[in-house]
Amino acid sequence: MEYDSKNFSDCSIYLENSNAQGDKIFDEKFGFHAIKKIDVMGISVDLLTNSKGDQII
């Protein structure tokens, strides 16, 4: 995650977060934030992005 955050900081990056305890805190540590809830195979999960992703959705 650290490598990707550094080397792809100019790109929009999206993550799915299963809402497991601690996952969101881990993702936020690398500059990601939730932008909406999405359905993945019947399970509601958070879609997170870095600041570059805010420009697309």
PDB file of N, CA and C in Angstrom:
ATOM      1  N   MET A   1       0.825  -1.180   0.000  1.00  0.00           N
ATOM      2  CA  MET A   1       0.000   0.000   0.000  1.00  0.00           C
ATOM      3  C   MET A   1       0.875   1.251   0.000  1.00  0.00           C
ATOM      4  N   GLU A   2       1.933   1.221   0.785  1.00  0.00           N
ATOM      5  CA  GLU A   2       2.844   2.370   0.851  1.00  0.00           C
ATOM      6  C   GLU A   2       3.480   2.631  -0.521  1.00  0.00           C
ATOM      7  N   TYR A   3       3.915   1.579  -1.187  1.00  0.00           N
ATOM      8  CA  TYR A   3       4.533   1.687  -2.516  1.00  0.00           C
ATOM      9  C   TYR A   3       3.552   2.305  -3.504  1.00  0.00           C
ATOM     10  N   ASP A   4       2.336   1.795  -3.530  1.00  0.00           N
ATOM     11  CA  ASP A   4       1.330   2.302  -4.466  1.00  0.00           C
ATOM     12  C   ASP A   4       0.979   3.755  -4.189  1.00  0.00           C
ATOM     13  N   SER A   5       0.817   4.094  -2.920  1.00  0.00           N
ATOM     14  CA  SER A   5       0.470   5.467  -2.564  1.00  0.00           C
ATOM     15  C   SER A   5       1.540   6.455  -3.016  1.00  0.00           C
ATOM     16  N   LYS A   6       2.797   6.064  -2.907  1.00  0.00           N
ATOM     17  CA  LYS A   6       3.899   6.937  -3.333  1.00  0.00           C
ATOM     18  C   LYS A   6       4.037   6.995  -4.850  1.00  0.00           C
ATOM     19  N   ASN A   7       4.052   5.830  -5.495  1.00  0.00           N
ATOM     20  CA  ASN A   7       4.357   5.767  -6.924  1.00  0.00           C
ATOM     21  C   ASN A   7       3.185   6.076  -7.834  1.00  0.00           C
ATOM     22  N   PHE A   8       1.984   6.058  -7.310  1.00  0.00           N
ATOM     23  CA  PHE A   8       0.807   6.335  -8.132  1.00  0.00           C
ATOM     24  C   PHE A   8      -0.015   7.477  -7.549  1.00  0.00           C
ATOM     25  N   SER A   9       0.637   8.399  -6.890  1.00  0.00           N
ATOM     26  CA  SER A   9      -0.065   9.503  -6.226  1.00  0.00           C
ATOM     27  C   SER A   9      -0.774  10.429  -7.214  1.00  0.00           C
ATOM     28  N   ASP A  10      -0.376  10.421  -8.478  1.00  0.00           N
ATOM     29  CA  ASP A  10      -1.025  11.260  -9.487  1.00  0.00           C
ATOM     30  C   ASP A  10      -2.230  10.571 -10.129  1.00  0.00           C
ATOM     31  N   CYS A  11      -2.517   9.337  -9.736  1.00  0.00           N
ATOM     32  CA  CYS A  11      -3.598   8.549 -10.327  1.00  0.00           C
ATOM     33  C   CYS A  11      -4.772   8.428  -9.358  1.00  0.00           C
ATOM     34  N   SER A  12      -5.949   8.232  -9.919  1.00  0.00           N
ATOM     35  CA  SER A  12      -7.117   7.911  -9.101  1.00  0.00           C
ATOM     36  C   SER A  12      -7.008   6.458  -8.683  1.00  0.00           C
ATOM     37  N   ILE A  13      -7.136   6.202  -7.395  1.00  0.00           N
ATOM     38  CA  ILE A  13      -7.079   4.841  -6.875  1.00  0.00           C
ATOM     39  C   ILE A  13      -8.349   4.603  -6.069  1.00  0.00           C
ATOM     40  N   TYR A  14      -8.986   3.457  -6.308  1.00  0.00           N
ATOM     41  CA  TYR A  14     -10.213   3.102  -5.599  1.00  0.00           C
ATOM     42  C   TYR A  14     -10.014   1.804  -4.847  1.00  0.00           C
ATOM     43  N   LEU A  15     -10.631   1.705  -3.671  1.00  0.00           N
ATOM     44  CA  LEU A  15     -10.561   0.505  -2.847  1.00  0.00           C
ATOM     45  C   LEU A  15     -11.958   0.126  -2.410  1.00  0.00           C
ATOM     46  N   GLU A  16     -12.193  -1.153  -2.274  1.00  0.00           N
ATOM     47  CA  GLU A  16     -13.408  -1.634  -1.634  1.00  0.00           C
ATOM     48  C   GLU A  16     -13.027  -1.994  -0.206  1.00  0.00           C
ATOM     49  N   ASN A  17     -13.876  -1.621   0.735  1.00  0.00           N
ATOM     50  CA  ASN A  17     -13.596  -1.890   2.133  1.00  0.00           C
ATOM     51  C   ASN A  17     -14.733  -2.719   2.704  1.00  0.00           C
ATOM     52  N   SER A  18     -14.410  -3.878   3.211  1.00  0.00           N
ATOM     53  CA  SER A  18     -15.428  -4.789   3.723  1.00  0.00           C
ATOM     54  C   SER A  18     -15.997  -4.340   5.058  1.00  0.00           C
ATOM     55  N   ASN A  19     -15.546  -3.218   5.564  1.00  0.00           N
ATOM     56  CA  ASN A  19     -15.990  -2.667   6.838  1.00  0.00           C
ATOM     57  C   ASN A  19     -15.556  -3.518   8.027  1.00  0.00           C
ATOM     58  N   ALA A  20     -14.584  -4.393   7.817  1.00  0.00           N
ATOM     59  CA  ALA A  20     -14.032  -5.159   8.939  1.00  0.00           C
ATOM     60  C   ALA A  20     -13.340  -4.190   9.882  1.00  0.00           C
ATOM     61  N   GLN A  21     -13.387  -4.490  11.152  1.00  0.00           N
ATOM     62  CA  GLN A  21     -12.811  -3.594  12.155  1.00  0.00           C
ATOM     63  C   GLN A  21     -11.341  -3.307  11.840  1.00  0.00           C
ATOM     64  N   GLY A  22     -10.995  -2.062  11.763  1.00  0.00           N
ATOM     65  CA  GLY A  22      -9.617  -1.652  11.531  1.00  0.00           C
ATOM     66  C   GLY A  22      -9.271  -1.403  10.072  1.00  0.00           C
ATOM     67  N   ASP A  23     -10.044  -1.947   9.125  1.00  0.00           N
ATOM     68  CA  ASP A  23      -9.720  -1.756   7.706  1.00  0.00           C
ATOM     69  C   ASP A  23      -9.784  -0.296   7.297  1.00  0.00           C
ATOM     70  N   LYS A  24     -10.854   0.385   7.685  1.00  0.00           N
ATOM     71  CA  LYS A  24     -11.027   1.782   7.295  1.00  0.00           C
ATOM     72  C   LYS A  24      -9.917   2.649   7.879  1.00  0.00           C
ATOM     73  N   ILE A  25      -9.553   2.398   9.128  1.00  0.00           N
ATOM     74  CA  ILE A  25      -8.470   3.155   9.768  1.00  0.00           C
ATOM     75  C   ILE A  25      -7.163   2.936   9.012  1.00  0.00           C
ATOM     76  N   PHE A  26      -6.910   1.694   8.607  1.00  0.00           N
ATOM     77  CA  PHE A  26      -5.698   1.368   7.844  1.00  0.00           C
ATOM     78  C   PHE A  26      -5.694   2.138   6.527  1.00  0.00           C
ATOM     79  N   ASP A  27      -6.820   2.123   5.796  1.00  0.00           N
ATOM     80  CA  ASP A  27      -6.898   2.812   4.507  1.00  0.00           C
ATOM     81  C   ASP A  27      -6.752   4.319   4.664  1.00  0.00           C
ATOM     82  N   GLU A  28      -7.376   4.877   5.698  1.00  0.00           N
ATOM     83  CA  GLU A  28      -7.283   6.318   5.937  1.00  0.00           C
ATOM     84  C   GLU A  28      -5.851   6.740   6.249  1.00  0.00           C
ATOM     85  N   LYS A  29      -5.090   5.864   6.833  1.00  0.00           N
ATOM     86  CA  LYS A  29      -3.678   6.144   7.131  1.00  0.00           C
ATOM     87  C   LYS A  29      -2.902   6.467   5.845  1.00  0.00           C
ATOM     88  N   PHE A  30      -3.365   5.905   4.726  1.00  0.00           N
ATOM     89  CA  PHE A  30      -2.704   6.127   3.437  1.00  0.00           C
ATOM     90  C   PHE A  30      -3.435   7.163   2.579  1.00  0.00           C
ATOM     91  N   GLY A  31      -4.316   7.943   3.195  1.00  0.00           N
ATOM     92  CA  GLY A  31      -4.953   9.056   2.499  1.00  0.00           C
ATOM     93  C   GLY A  31      -6.236   8.718   1.769  1.00  0.00           C
ATOM     94  N   PHE A  32      -6.844   7.579   2.042  1.00  0.00           N
ATOM     95  CA  PHE A  32      -8.099   7.209   1.395  1.00  0.00           C
ATOM     96  C   PHE A  32      -9.273   7.606   2.269  1.00  0.00           C
ATOM     97  N   HIS A  33     -10.414   7.874   1.628  1.00  0.00           N
ATOM     98  CA  HIS A  33     -11.628   8.210   2.355  1.00  0.00           C
ATOM     99  C   HIS A  33     -12.831   7.637   1.613  1.00  0.00           C
ATOM    100  N   ALA A  34     -13.885   7.333   2.370  1.00  0.00           N
ATOM    101  CA  ALA A  34     -15.086   6.743   1.780  1.00  0.00           C
ATOM    102  C   ALA A  34     -15.821   7.783   0.943  1.00  0.00           C
ATOM    103  N   ILE A  35     -16.303   7.352  -0.230  1.00  0.00           N
ATOM    104  CA  ILE A  35     -17.080   8.263  -1.067  1.00  0.00           C
ATOM    105  C   ILE A  35     -18.517   7.788  -1.254  1.00  0.00           C
ATOM    106  N   LYS A  36     -18.754   6.481  -1.131  1.00  0.00           N
ATOM    107  CA  LYS A  36     -20.123   5.974  -1.177  1.00  0.00           C
ATOM    108  C   LYS A  36     -20.135   4.493  -0.832  1.00  0.00           C
ATOM    109  N   LYS A  37     -21.332   3.989  -0.573  1.00  0.00           N
ATOM    110  CA  LYS A  37     -21.515   2.559  -0.345  1.00  0.00           C
ATOM    111  C   LYS A  37     -21.889   1.915  -1.675  1.00  0.00           C
ATOM    112  N   ILE A  38     -21.345   0.733  -1.927  1.00  0.00           N
ATOM    113  CA  ILE A  38     -21.685  -0.017  -3.136  1.00  0.00           C
ATOM    114  C   ILE A  38     -22.061  -1.442  -2.733  1.00  0.00           C
ATOM    115  N   ASP A  39     -22.765  -2.126  -3.624  1.00  0.00           N
ATOM    116  CA  ASP A  39     -23.166  -3.502  -3.395  1.00  0.00           C
ATOM    117  C   ASP A  39     -22.217  -4.429  -4.158  1.00  0.00           C
ATOM    118  N   VAL A  40     -21.598  -5.352  -3.438  1.00  0.00           N
ATOM    119  CA  VAL A  40     -20.709  -6.338  -4.050  1.00  0.00           C
ATOM    120  C   VAL A  40     -21.243  -7.716  -3.674  1.00  0.00           C
ATOM    121  N   MET A  41     -21.867  -8.365  -4.649  1.00  0.00           N
ATOM    122  CA  MET A  41     -22.419  -9.705  -4.442  1.00  0.00           C
ATOM    123  C   MET A  41     -23.354  -9.751  -3.231  1.00  0.00           C
ATOM    124  N   GLY A  42     -24.203  -8.738  -3.106  1.00  0.00           N
ATOM    125  CA  GLY A  42     -25.189  -8.694  -2.042  1.00  0.00           C
ATOM    126  C   GLY A  42     -24.693  -8.161  -0.715  1.00  0.00           C
ATOM    127  N   ILE A  43     -23.452  -7.716  -0.667  1.00  0.00           N
ATOM    128  CA  ILE A  43     -22.882  -7.183   0.569  1.00  0.00           C
ATOM    129  C   ILE A  43     -22.579  -5.700   0.373  1.00  0.00           C
ATOM    130  N   SER A  44     -23.022  -4.882   1.311  1.00  0.00           N
ATOM    131  CA  SER A  44     -22.767  -3.451   1.251  1.00  0.00           C
ATOM    132  C   SER A  44     -21.349  -3.169   1.742  1.00  0.00           C
ATOM    133  N   VAL A  45     -20.550  -2.538   0.908  1.00  0.00           N
ATOM    134  CA  VAL A  45     -19.182  -2.184   1.279  1.00  0.00           C
ATOM    135  C   VAL A  45     -18.943  -0.716   0.954  1.00  0.00           C
ATOM    136  N   ASP A  46     -17.941  -0.146   1.589  1.00  0.00           N
ATOM    137  CA  ASP A  46     -17.553   1.229   1.297  1.00  0.00           C
ATOM    138  C   ASP A  46     -16.628   1.247   0.087  1.00  0.00           C
ATOM    139  N   LEU A  47     -16.823   2.237  -0.779  1.00  0.00           N
ATOM    140  CA  LEU A  47     -15.890   2.510  -1.867  1.00  0.00           C
ATOM    141  C   LEU A  47     -15.060   3.690  -1.403  1.00  0.00           C
ATOM    142  N   LEU A  48     -13.752   3.502  -1.371  1.00  0.00           N
ATOM    143  CA  LEU A  48     -12.845   4.553  -0.926  1.00  0.00           C
ATOM    144  C   LEU A  48     -11.974   5.003  -2.092  1.00  0.00           C
ATOM    145  N   THR A  49     -11.488   6.214  -2.003  1.00  0.00           N
ATOM    146  CA  THR A  49     -10.589   6.726  -3.023  1.00  0.00           C
ATOM    147  C   THR A  49      -9.578   7.678  -2.383  1.00  0.00           C
ATOM    148  N   ASN A  50      -8.540   7.944  -3.163  1.00  0.00           N
ATOM    149  CA  ASN A  50      -7.598   8.984  -2.760  1.00  0.00           C
ATOM    150  C   ASN A  50      -8.132  10.319  -3.269  1.00  0.00           C
ATOM    151  N   SER A  51      -7.460  11.402  -3.029  1.00  0.00           N
ATOM    152  CA  SER A  51      -7.967  12.716  -3.426  1.00  0.00           C
ATOM    153  C   SER A  51      -8.135  12.863  -4.937  1.00  0.00           C
ATOM    154  N   LYS A  52      -7.347  12.148  -5.731  1.00  0.00           N
ATOM    155  CA  LYS A  52      -7.456  12.232  -7.191  1.00  0.00           C
ATOM    156  C   LYS A  52      -8.773  11.627  -7.676  1.00  0.00           C
ATOM    157  N   GLY A  53      -9.280  10.634  -6.960  1.00  0.00           N
ATOM    158  CA  GLY A  53     -10.531   9.985  -7.347  1.00  0.00           C
ATOM    159  C   GLY A  53     -11.750  10.853  -7.160  1.00  0.00           C
ATOM    160  N   ASP A  54     -11.655  11.891  -6.339  1.00  0.00           N
ATOM    161  CA  ASP A  54     -12.788  12.796  -6.117  1.00  0.00           C
ATOM    162  C   ASP A  54     -13.194  13.501  -7.401  1.00  0.00           C
ATOM    163  N   GLN A  55     -12.282  13.648  -8.326  1.00  0.00           N
ATOM    164  CA  GLN A  55     -12.561  14.380  -9.559  1.00  0.00           C
ATOM    165  C   GLN A  55     -13.392  13.568 -10.536  1.00  0.00           C
ATOM    166  N   ILE A  56     -13.486  12.247 -10.356  1.00  0.00           N
ATOM    167  CA  ILE A  56     -14.148  11.393 -11.330  1.00  0.00           C
ATOM    168  C   ILE A  56     -15.572  11.048 -10.924  1.00  0.00           C
ATOM    169  N   ILE A  57     -15.789  10.710  -9.655  1.00  0.00           N
ATOM    170  CA  ILE A  57     -17.116  10.252  -9.230  1.00  0.00           C
ATOM    171  C   ILE A  57     -17.939  11.403  -8.730  1.00  0.00           C
TER     172      ILE A  57
END
